[in-house]
C-alpha atoms as a PDB file:
ATOM      1  CA  MET A   1       0.294  -0.735 -13.807  1.00  0.00           C
ATOM      2  CA  ILE A   2       3.330  -0.016 -11.652  1.00  0.00           C
ATOM      3  CA  VAL A   3       5.377   2.967 -10.525  1.00  0.00           C
ATOM      4  CA  SER A   4       8.450   2.512 -12.691  1.00  0.00           C
ATOM      5  CA  GLU A   5      10.444   5.661 -11.925  1.00  0.00           C
ATOM      6  CA  LEU A   6      10.635   8.350  -9.264  1.00  0.00           C
ATOM      7  CA  LYS A   7      12.585  11.623  -9.379  1.00  0.00           C
ATOM      8  CA  ILE A   8      12.849  13.955  -6.391  1.00  0.00           C
ATOM      9  CA  TYR A   9      13.988  17.594  -6.461  1.00  0.00           C
ATOM     10  CA  ASN A  10      14.722  19.518  -3.239  1.00  0.00           C
ATOM     11  CA  PHE A  11      12.489  17.282  -1.139  1.00  0.00           C
ATOM     12  CA  ARG A  12      13.709  16.646   2.402  1.00  0.00           C
ATOM     13  CA  ARG A  13      17.416  15.710   2.221  1.00  0.00           C
ATOM     14  CA  PHE A  14      17.557  15.318  -1.561  1.00  0.00           C
ATOM     15  CA  ARG A  15      18.999  18.512  -3.003  1.00  0.00           C
ATOM     16  CA  SER A  16      18.666  19.262  -6.705  1.00  0.00           C
ATOM     17  CA  VAL A  17      21.824  20.578  -8.401  1.00  0.00           C
ATOM     18  CA  ASP A  18      21.646  22.361 -11.770  1.00  0.00           C
ATOM     19  CA  GLY A  19      18.157  21.038 -12.397  1.00  0.00           C
ATOM     20  CA  ALA A  20      19.125  17.396 -11.878  1.00  0.00           C
ATOM     21  CA  PRO A  21      17.063  15.330  -9.442  1.00  0.00           C
ATOM     22  CA  GLY A  22      18.450  14.890  -5.962  1.00  0.00           C
ATOM     23  CA  LEU A  23      17.313  11.273  -6.124  1.00  0.00           C
ATOM     24  CA  GLN A  24      16.267   9.076  -9.035  1.00  0.00           C
ATOM     25  CA  ILE A  25      14.953   5.529  -8.532  1.00  0.00           C
ATOM     26  CA  THR A  26      13.901   2.949 -11.084  1.00  0.00           C
ATOM     27  CA  PHE A  27      11.433   0.357  -9.801  1.00  0.00           C
ATOM     28  CA  HIS A  28      10.594  -2.995 -11.335  1.00  0.00           C
ATOM     29  CA  LYS A  29       7.512  -5.175 -11.368  1.00  0.00           C
ATOM     30  CA  GLY A  30       7.109  -7.256  -8.226  1.00  0.00           C
ATOM     31  CA  LEU A  31       8.694  -6.651  -4.839  1.00  0.00           C
ATOM     32  CA  ASN A  32      10.993  -3.633  -4.412  1.00  0.00           C
ATOM     33  CA  ALA A  33      12.994  -3.243  -1.198  1.00  0.00           C
ATOM     34  CA  LEU A  34      14.556  -0.022   0.108  1.00  0.00           C
ATOM     35  CA  ILE A  35      17.549  -0.753   2.335  1.00  0.00           C
ATOM     36  CA  GLY A  36      19.589   1.863   4.138  1.00  0.00           C
ATOM     37  CA  GLU A  37      20.761   3.256   7.446  1.00  0.00           C
ATOM     38  CA  ASN A  38      18.588   5.403   9.687  1.00  0.00           C
ATOM     39  CA  ASP A  39      17.983   8.888   8.271  1.00  0.00           C
ATOM     40  CA  SER A  40      19.206   7.863   4.817  1.00  0.00           C
ATOM     41  CA  GLY A  41      15.944   8.856   3.115  1.00  0.00           C
ATOM     42  CA  LYS A  42      13.901   5.640   2.935  1.00  0.00           C
ATOM     43  CA  THR A  43      10.857   7.254   4.524  1.00  0.00           C
ATOM     44  CA  ALA A  44      11.254  10.285   2.253  1.00  0.00           C
ATOM     45  CA  VAL A  45      10.836   8.030  -0.790  1.00  0.00           C
ATOM     46  CA  ILE A  46       7.595   6.576   0.582  1.00  0.00           C
ATOM     47  CA  ASP A  47       6.291  10.002   1.604  1.00  0.00           C
ATOM     48  CA  ALA A  48       7.091  11.400  -1.847  1.00  0.00           C
ATOM     49  CA  LEU A  49       4.961   8.667  -3.416  1.00  0.00           C
ATOM     50  CA  LYS A  50       2.173   9.405  -0.938  1.00  0.00           C
ATOM     51  CA  LEU A  51       2.155  13.085  -1.908  1.00  0.00           C
ATOM     52  CA  VAL A  52       1.838  12.206  -5.588  1.00  0.00           C
ATOM     53  CA  LEU A  53      -0.562   9.261  -5.422  1.00  0.00           C
ATOM     54  CA  LEU A  54      -2.410   9.811  -2.117  1.00  0.00           C
ATOM     55  CA  THR A  55      -3.725   6.773  -0.236  1.00  0.00           C
ATOM     56  CA  LYS A  56      -6.919   4.741  -0.195  1.00  0.00           C
ATOM     57  CA  SER A  57      -7.266   5.265   3.536  1.00  0.00           C
ATOM     58  CA  ASN A  58      -7.832   8.977   2.742  1.00  0.00           C
ATOM     59  CA  GLU A  59      -5.151  10.238   5.114  1.00  0.00           C
ATOM     60  CA  TYR A  60      -4.646  13.969   5.414  1.00  0.00           C
ATOM     61  CA  ILE A  61      -1.546  14.353   3.247  1.00  0.00           C
ATOM     62  CA  ARG A  62      -0.154  17.815   2.596  1.00  0.00           C
ATOM     63  CA  PRO A  63       3.364  19.263   2.278  1.00  0.00           C
ATOM     64  CA  VAL A  64       4.829  20.892   5.379  1.00  0.00           C
ATOM     65  CA  ASP A  65       7.807  23.190   6.016  1.00  0.00           C
ATOM     66  CA  GLU A  66      10.063  20.247   6.871  1.00  0.00           C
ATOM     67  CA  ASP A  67       9.568  18.815   3.361  1.00  0.00           C
ATOM     68  CA  PHE A  68      11.536  21.648   1.715  1.00  0.00           C
ATOM     69  CA  TYR A  69      15.264  21.034   1.422  1.00  0.00           C
ATOM     70  CA  LYS A  70      17.280  23.163   3.836  1.00  0.00           C
ATOM     71  CA  PRO A  71      21.075  23.316   3.773  1.00  0.00           C
ATOM     72  CA  VAL A  72      22.902  23.247   7.090  1.00  0.00           C
ATOM     73  CA  ASP A  73      24.019  26.875   6.838  1.00  0.00           C
ATOM     74  CA  GLY A  74      21.251  28.445   4.758  1.00  0.00           C
ATOM     75  CA  ASP A  75      17.561  29.012   4.238  1.00  0.00           C
ATOM     76  CA  ALA A  76      15.133  26.357   3.056  1.00  0.00           C
ATOM     77  CA  CYS A  77      14.269  26.353  -0.629  1.00  0.00           C
ATOM     78  CA  SER A  78      10.869  27.705  -1.643  1.00  0.00           C
ATOM     79  CA  GLU A  79       9.869  24.865  -3.988  1.00  0.00           C
ATOM     80  CA  PHE A  80      10.236  21.114  -4.375  1.00  0.00           C
ATOM     81  CA  LYS A  81       9.147  18.776  -7.166  1.00  0.00           C
ATOM     82  CA  ILE A  82       8.432  15.080  -7.545  1.00  0.00           C
ATOM     83  CA  ASP A  83       8.170  13.352 -10.930  1.00  0.00           C
ATOM     84  CA  CYS A  84       6.605   9.918 -11.077  1.00  0.00           C
ATOM     85  CA  THR A  85       6.310   7.585 -14.062  1.00  0.00           C
ATOM     86  CA  ILE A  86       3.664   4.864 -14.158  1.00  0.00           C
ATOM     87  CA  SER A  87       3.889   2.152 -16.806  1.00  0.00           C
ATOM     88  CA  GLU A  88       2.966  -1.437 -17.704  1.00  0.00           C
ATOM     89  CA  PHE A  89      -0.753  -0.711 -18.050  1.00  0.00           C
ATOM     90  CA  ASN A  90      -2.991  -3.514 -19.190  1.00  0.00           C
ATOM     91  CA  PRO A  91      -5.833  -2.501 -21.554  1.00  0.00           C
ATOM     92  CA  ASN A  92      -8.406  -2.546 -18.756  1.00  0.00           C
ATOM     93  CA  GLU A  93      -6.319  -0.135 -16.665  1.00  0.00           C
ATOM     94  CA  ALA A  94      -5.379   2.076 -19.612  1.00  0.00           C
ATOM     95  CA  LYS A  95      -9.002   2.846 -20.497  1.00  0.00           C
ATOM     96  CA  ASN A  96      -9.388   4.845 -17.265  1.00  0.00           C
ATOM     97  CA  PHE A  97      -6.457   7.150 -18.130  1.00  0.00           C
ATOM     98  CA  ILE A  98      -6.704   7.218 -21.917  1.00  0.00           C
ATOM     99  CA  GLU A  99      -6.776  11.033 -22.206  1.00  0.00           C
ATOM    100  CA  TYR A 100      -3.647  11.335 -20.043  1.00  0.00           C
ATOM    101  CA  LEU A 101      -1.448   8.580 -21.473  1.00  0.00           C
ATOM    102  CA  THR A 102       1.417   8.660 -23.903  1.00  0.00           C
ATOM    103  CA  PHE A 103       2.004   5.487 -25.880  1.00  0.00           C
ATOM    104  CA  VAL A 104       4.506   3.787 -28.131  1.00  0.00           C
ATOM    105  CA  LYS A 105       3.438   1.093 -30.575  1.00  0.00           C
ATOM    106  CA  ASP A 106       5.811  -1.772 -31.221  1.00  0.00           C
ATOM    107  CA  GLY A 107       4.219  -4.094 -33.748  1.00  0.00           C
ATOM    108  CA  ASP A 108       1.000  -5.371 -32.206  1.00  0.00           C
ATOM    109  CA  LYS A 109       2.049  -4.294 -28.729  1.00  0.00           C
ATOM    110  CA  VAL A 110       1.219  -0.874 -27.288  1.00  0.00           C
ATOM    111  CA  GLU A 111       3.151   0.438 -24.295  1.00  0.00           C
ATOM    112  CA  TYR A 112       1.332   3.092 -22.255  1.00  0.00           C
ATOM    113  CA  THR A 113       3.033   5.563 -19.913  1.00  0.00           C
ATOM    114  CA  LEU A 114       1.618   8.070 -17.445  1.00  0.00           C
ATOM    115  CA  GLU A 115       3.857  10.989 -16.417  1.00  0.00           C
ATOM    116  CA  LEU A 116       2.930  12.678 -13.123  1.00  0.00           C
ATOM    117  CA  HIS A 117       4.481  15.982 -12.055  1.00  0.00           C
ATOM    118  CA  TYR A 118       3.917  17.149  -8.483  1.00  0.00           C
ATOM    119  CA  ARG A 119       5.010  20.577  -7.278  1.00  0.00           C
ATOM    120  CA  ALA A 120       4.780  22.310  -3.903  1.00  0.00           C
ATOM    121  CA  TRP A 121       5.821  25.907  -3.291  1.00  0.00           C
ATOM    122  CA  LYS A 122       5.743  28.588  -0.616  1.00  0.00           C
ATOM    123  CA  GLU A 123       4.203  32.021  -0.829  1.00  0.00           C
ATOM    124  CA  GLY A 124       4.728  33.714   2.498  1.00  0.00           C
ATOM    125  CA  PRO A 125       3.461  31.450   5.289  1.00  0.00           C
ATOM    126  CA  LYS A 126       1.276  29.402   2.961  1.00  0.00           C
ATOM    127  CA  ILE A 127       2.204  26.242   1.081  1.00  0.00           C
ATOM    128  CA  TYR A 128       0.515  25.396  -2.222  1.00  0.00           C
ATOM    129  CA  GLN A 129       0.604  22.206  -4.261  1.00  0.00           C
ATOM    130  CA  GLU A 130      -0.454  20.923  -7.674  1.00  0.00           C
ATOM    131  CA  LEU A 131      -0.359  17.697  -9.648  1.00  0.00           C
ATOM    132  CA  ARG A 132      -0.149  17.751 -13.425  1.00  0.00           C
ATOM    133  CA  ILE A 133       0.019  15.045 -16.058  1.00  0.00           C
ATOM    134  CA  GLY A 134       1.836  14.963 -19.365  1.00  0.00           C
ATOM    135  CA  ASP A 135       4.528  17.395 -20.447  1.00  0.00           C
ATOM    136  CA  VAL A 136       6.483  18.781 -17.518  1.00  0.00           C
ATOM    137  CA  ASP A 137       6.034  22.385 -18.709  1.00  0.00           C
ATOM    138  CA  ASP A 138       2.530  22.142 -20.164  1.00  0.00           C
ATOM    139  CA  GLY A 139       0.724  19.400 -18.271  1.00  0.00           C
ATOM    140  CA  ILE A 140      -2.946  19.259 -17.387  1.00  0.00           C
ATOM    141  CA  SER A 141      -4.522  18.651 -14.000  1.00  0.00           C
ATOM    142  CA  ILE A 142      -6.118  15.325 -13.135  1.00  0.00           C
ATOM    143  CA  ASP A 143      -9.303  14.741 -11.178  1.00  0.00           C
ATOM    144  CA  GLY A 144     -12.376  12.528 -10.924  1.00  0.00           C
ATOM    145  CA  LYS A 145     -12.192   8.771 -11.271  1.00  0.00           C
ATOM    146  CA  ALA A 146      -8.654   8.770 -12.656  1.00  0.00           C
ATOM    147  CA  ARG A 147      -7.384  10.569  -9.535  1.00  0.00           C
ATOM    148  CA  GLU A 148      -9.096   8.036  -7.296  1.00  0.00           C
ATOM    149  CA  LEU A 149      -7.596   5.117  -9.201  1.00  0.00           C
ATOM    150  CA  LEU A 150      -4.090   6.444  -8.591  1.00  0.00           C
ATOM    151  CA  LYS A 151      -4.466   6.112  -4.835  1.00  0.00           C
ATOM    152  CA  ALA A 152      -2.186   3.540  -3.249  1.00  0.00           C
ATOM    153  CA  VAL A 153      -2.649   1.219  -0.293  1.00  0.00           C
ATOM    154  CA  TYR A 154      -0.225   2.456   2.356  1.00  0.00           C
ATOM    155  CA  LEU A 155       0.497   0.316   5.408  1.00  0.00           C
ATOM    156  CA  LYS A 156       2.156   2.164   8.254  1.00  0.00           C
ATOM    157  CA  PRO A 157       5.136   0.561  10.018  1.00  0.00           C
ATOM    158  CA  LEU A 158       3.818  -2.287  12.171  1.00  0.00           C
ATOM    159  CA  ARG A 159       5.035  -1.093  15.571  1.00  0.00           C
ATOM    160  CA  ASP A 160       2.034  -2.253  17.618  1.00  0.00           C
ATOM    161  CA  ALA A 161       0.900  -5.591  16.188  1.00  0.00           C
ATOM    162  CA  GLU A 162      -1.803  -6.202  18.788  1.00  0.00           C
ATOM    163  CA  ARG A 163      -3.564  -2.921  18.041  1.00  0.00           C
ATOM    164  CA  GLU A 164      -3.031  -2.910  14.274  1.00  0.00           C
ATOM    165  CA  MET A 165      -4.258  -6.490  13.751  1.00  0.00           C
ATOM    166  CA  SER A 166      -7.320  -6.110  15.990  1.00  0.00           C
ATOM    167  CA  SER A 167     -10.829  -5.531  14.670  1.00  0.00           C
ATOM    168  CA  GLY A 168     -12.008  -2.079  13.650  1.00  0.00           C
ATOM    169  CA  ARG A 169     -12.425  -0.031  10.482  1.00  0.00           C
ATOM    170  CA  SER A 170      -9.094   1.757  10.894  1.00  0.00           C
ATOM    171  CA  SER A 171      -7.083  -1.349  11.806  1.00  0.00           C
ATOM    172  CA  ARG A 172      -4.329  -2.754   9.599  1.00  0.00           C
ATOM    173  CA  ILE A 173      -6.233  -5.938   8.760  1.00  0.00           C
ATOM    174  CA  SER A 174      -9.287  -3.860   7.820  1.00  0.00           C
ATOM    175  CA  GLN A 175      -7.250  -1.734   5.395  1.00  0.00           C
ATOM    176  CA  ILE A 176      -5.803  -4.838   3.759  1.00  0.00           C
ATOM    177  CA  LEU A 177      -9.114  -6.624   3.334  1.00  0.00           C
ATOM    178  CA  LEU A 178     -11.262  -3.656   2.292  1.00  0.00           C
ATOM    179  CA  ASN A 179      -8.822  -2.820  -0.496  1.00  0.00           C
ATOM    180  CA  HIS A 180      -8.607  -6.384  -1.786  1.00  0.00           C
ATOM    181  CA  PRO A 181     -10.531  -6.972  -5.052  1.00  0.00           C
ATOM    182  CA  VAL A 182     -12.567  -9.834  -3.566  1.00  0.00           C
ATOM    183  CA  PHE A 183     -14.070  -7.442  -1.014  1.00  0.00           C
ATOM    184  CA  LYS A 184     -15.461  -4.904  -3.476  1.00  0.00           C
ATOM    185  CA  ASP A 185     -18.994  -5.751  -2.324  1.00  0.00           C
ATOM    186  CA  LYS A 186     -18.615  -4.916   1.354  1.00  0.00           C
ATOM    187  CA  LYS A 187     -22.188  -5.807   2.311  1.00  0.00           C
ATOM    188  CA  GLU A 188     -22.311  -9.439   1.274  1.00  0.00           C
ATOM    189  CA  HIS A 189     -19.359 -11.759   1.023  1.00  0.00           C
ATOM    190  CA  VAL A 190     -18.701 -15.478   1.286  1.00  0.00           C
ATOM    191  CA  VAL A 191     -16.548 -14.883   4.385  1.00  0.00           C
ATOM    192  CA  LEU A 192     -19.619 -13.779   6.310  1.00  0.00           C
ATOM    193  CA  GLU A 193     -21.333 -17.025   5.373  1.00  0.00           C
ATOM    194  CA  LEU A 194     -18.277 -19.007   6.452  1.00  0.00           C
ATOM    195  CA  PHE A 195     -18.174 -17.324   9.840  1.00  0.00           C
ATOM    196  CA  ALA A 196     -21.880 -18.007  10.360  1.00  0.00           C
ATOM    197  CA  LEU A 197     -21.356 -21.652   9.420  1.00  0.00           C
ATOM    198  CA  LEU A 198     -18.276 -22.138  11.586  1.00  0.00           C
ATOM    199  CA  LEU A 199     -19.211 -19.894  14.518  1.00  0.00           C
ATOM    200  CA  PRO A 200     -19.749 -22.808  16.958  1.00  0.00           C
ATOM    201  CA  ASP A 201     -16.162 -23.964  16.368  1.00  0.00           C
ATOM    202  CA  ILE A 202     -14.469 -20.567  16.680  1.00  0.00           C
ATOM    203  CA  TYR A 203     -12.973 -19.100  19.806  1.00  0.00           C
ATOM    204  CA  CYS A 204     -10.615 -16.185  20.433  1.00  0.00           C
ATOM    205  CA  SER A 205      -7.455 -16.037  22.532  1.00  0.00           C
ATOM    206  CA  TRP A 206      -6.629 -12.489  23.565  1.00  0.00           C
ATOM    207  CA  ASP A 207      -3.600 -13.290  25.717  1.00  0.00           C
ATOM    208  CA  LEU A 208      -2.018 -16.621  24.934  1.00  0.00           C
ATOM    209  CA  ALA A 209       1.651 -16.805  25.899  1.00  0.00           C
ATOM    210  CA  GLY A 210       1.983 -13.073  25.245  1.00  0.00           C
ATOM    211  CA  VAL A 211       1.205 -13.279  21.520  1.00  0.00           C
ATOM    212  CA  PRO A 212      -1.046 -10.783  19.690  1.00  0.00           C
ATOM    213  CA  PRO A 213      -4.787 -11.538  19.399  1.00  0.00           C
ATOM    214  CA  LEU A 214      -5.306 -14.680  17.364  1.00  0.00           C
ATOM    215  CA  LEU A 215      -8.326 -16.513  16.056  1.00  0.00           C
ATOM    216  CA  PHE A 216      -8.340 -20.271  16.515  1.00  0.00           C
ATOM    217  CA  LEU A 217     -10.488 -22.678  14.545  1.00  0.00           C
ATOM    218  CA  HIS A 218     -11.119 -26.255  15.623  1.00  0.00           C
ATOM    219  CA  THR A 219     -11.171 -28.957  12.996  1.00  0.00           C
ATOM    220  CA  ASN A 220     -13.005 -32.205  13.489  1.00  0.00           C
ATOM    221  CA  ALA A 221     -10.868 -34.262  11.127  1.00  0.00           C
ATOM    222  CA  PRO A 222      -8.855 -36.857  13.106  1.00  0.00           C
ATOM    223  CA  SER A 223      -5.681 -36.060  11.217  1.00  0.00           C
ATOM    224  CA  GLY A 224      -5.961 -32.367  11.873  1.00  0.00           C
ATOM    225  CA  GLY A 225      -6.733 -31.695   8.210  1.00  0.00           C
ATOM    226  CA  MET A 226      -9.133 -29.027   7.029  1.00  0.00           C
ATOM    227  CA  THR A 227     -12.626 -29.197   5.723  1.00  0.00           C
ATOM    228  CA  PRO A 228     -13.245 -27.178   2.525  1.00  0.00           C
ATOM    229  CA  HIS A 229     -14.904 -24.438   4.570  1.00  0.00           C
ATOM    230  CA  CYS A 230     -11.951 -24.240   6.955  1.00  0.00           C
ATOM    231  CA  TYR A 231      -9.579 -24.006   4.015  1.00  0.00           C
ATOM    232  CA  LEU A 232     -11.537 -21.153   2.421  1.00  0.00           C
ATOM    233  CA  LEU A 233     -11.635 -19.227   5.659  1.00  0.00           C
ATOM    234  CA  ALA A 234      -7.882 -19.651   6.113  1.00  0.00           C
ATOM    235  CA  VAL A 235      -7.254 -18.394   2.575  1.00  0.00           C
ATOM    236  CA  TYR A 236      -8.980 -15.112   3.422  1.00  0.00           C
ATOM    237  CA  PHE A 237      -7.394 -14.832   6.877  1.00  0.00           C
ATOM    238  CA  PRO A 238      -3.747 -15.991   6.870  1.00  0.00           C
ATOM    239  CA  TYR A 239      -3.406 -15.101  10.559  1.00  0.00           C
ATOM    240  CA  ILE A 240      -5.895 -17.792  11.547  1.00  0.00           C
ATOM    241  CA  LEU A 241      -4.338 -20.803  13.247  1.00  0.00           C
ATOM    242  CA  LEU A 242      -6.040 -24.120  12.689  1.00  0.00           C
ATOM    243  CA  ASP A 243      -5.861 -26.145  15.874  1.00  0.00           C
ATOM    244  CA  ARG A 244      -5.083 -29.803  15.303  1.00  0.00           C
ATOM    245  CA  SER A 245      -5.974 -31.082  18.788  1.00  0.00           C
ATOM    246  CA  GLY A 246      -8.596 -28.557  19.882  1.00  0.00           C
ATOM    247  CA  SER A 247      -6.638 -27.928  23.068  1.00  0.00           C
ATOM    248  CA  PRO A 248      -5.969 -24.248  23.871  1.00  0.00           C
ATOM    249  CA  ALA A 249      -2.857 -25.204  25.818  1.00  0.00           C
ATOM    250  CA  ARG A 250      -1.323 -26.840  22.747  1.00  0.00           C
ATOM    251  CA  SER A 251      -2.591 -24.476  20.097  1.00  0.00           C
ATOM    252  CA  LEU A 252       0.682 -22.635  19.598  1.00  0.00           C
ATOM    253  CA  PHE A 253       2.541 -25.861  18.962  1.00  0.00           C
ATOM    254  CA  SER A 254       0.029 -27.941  17.042  1.00  0.00           C
ATOM    255  CA  PHE A 255      -1.420 -25.681  14.386  1.00  0.00           C
ATOM    256  CA  ARG A 256      -1.754 -26.532  10.724  1.00  0.00           C
ATOM    257  CA  MET A 257      -1.565 -23.774   8.131  1.00  0.00           C
ATOM    258  CA  PRO A 258      -3.362 -24.144   4.793  1.00  0.00           C
ATOM    259  CA  PRO A 259      -1.259 -25.373   1.864  1.00  0.00           C
ATOM    260  CA  CYS A 260      -1.195 -21.949   0.204  1.00  0.00           C
ATOM    261  CA  PHE A 261       0.834 -20.595   3.144  1.00  0.00           C
ATOM    262  CA  TRP A 262       3.329 -23.424   3.402  1.00  0.00           C
ATOM    263  CA  THR A 263       6.969 -22.544   2.762  1.00  0.00           C
END
C-alpha cells in the first residue's frame, strides 16, 4: 500500500479558498522527491503525513498553534484539515483494513482504497484532533491494530551523522533495522550469530581521517573477496567497509563493498 494523494486545508502556509485544498499532491509508487526553496512548504508536507499516520518511533505528535494558517494581516484560522488517500493494497494488507476500505472491481482485479480525514480545531486555548475513515462527512474513527499498521517510518534530517549512525535504541540505524521485516524477531537473529562468528576479525575506528564511526571487517581471502558470512553481514549493514589489506591506514582507500551495493 502507498500514500497516493494528499490534500491540505489551512495547514501552515497552505490556505484553503472556497473549500478547495491549499495544496494537493499525487504520489506514485516508488521514490517521490519534494524539491523546493527554503520555506516553500516541503517540511509541512512531511509533517502533515506524520499527523495523519503517526510514526513507528512513537514520537509525541500533536498539532500546535503554528500549524493553523495565519494571514499576514489577520488572525489564525480555527481549524485545519488533511485528507490522505492510501491505495495499491495487496490482499494481505487489505485484510487488516477490510471494514474501512472502499473497493472497485475491474474483472478479476479488485482495487482497494482507504480514505483518511484528519481534522484539528481550537476551542479557546485548547487544540483538539480527530482522525476518521471513509466518507468525509460521515466517517468512523480508527483504532487498534489497523491504527498501528498505518504508522510510518520517519527518518529525521541527517544533520549529525556521527550521532545518528552510532549504536543505541534511538539512533538512526536502530530505527531502520528494527522496522525492517527481517528483524521482526528482535531476540534472535542471524546477524547476532554472524557477529559472534566474526568477532575476532572485527574492529572499530571511531576517528579515522575525520569520518563518522565505521565498522571494519578483515577478510582472509588473498584477493580481498568475501566469505559467505562476510557477504551476509554486509547485506544487513551497508555501512560496513570490508578491508582488503587488513591495514587500518589503508582502509579508506582499499575497501570492497558487496555486489548488492555496487553502482
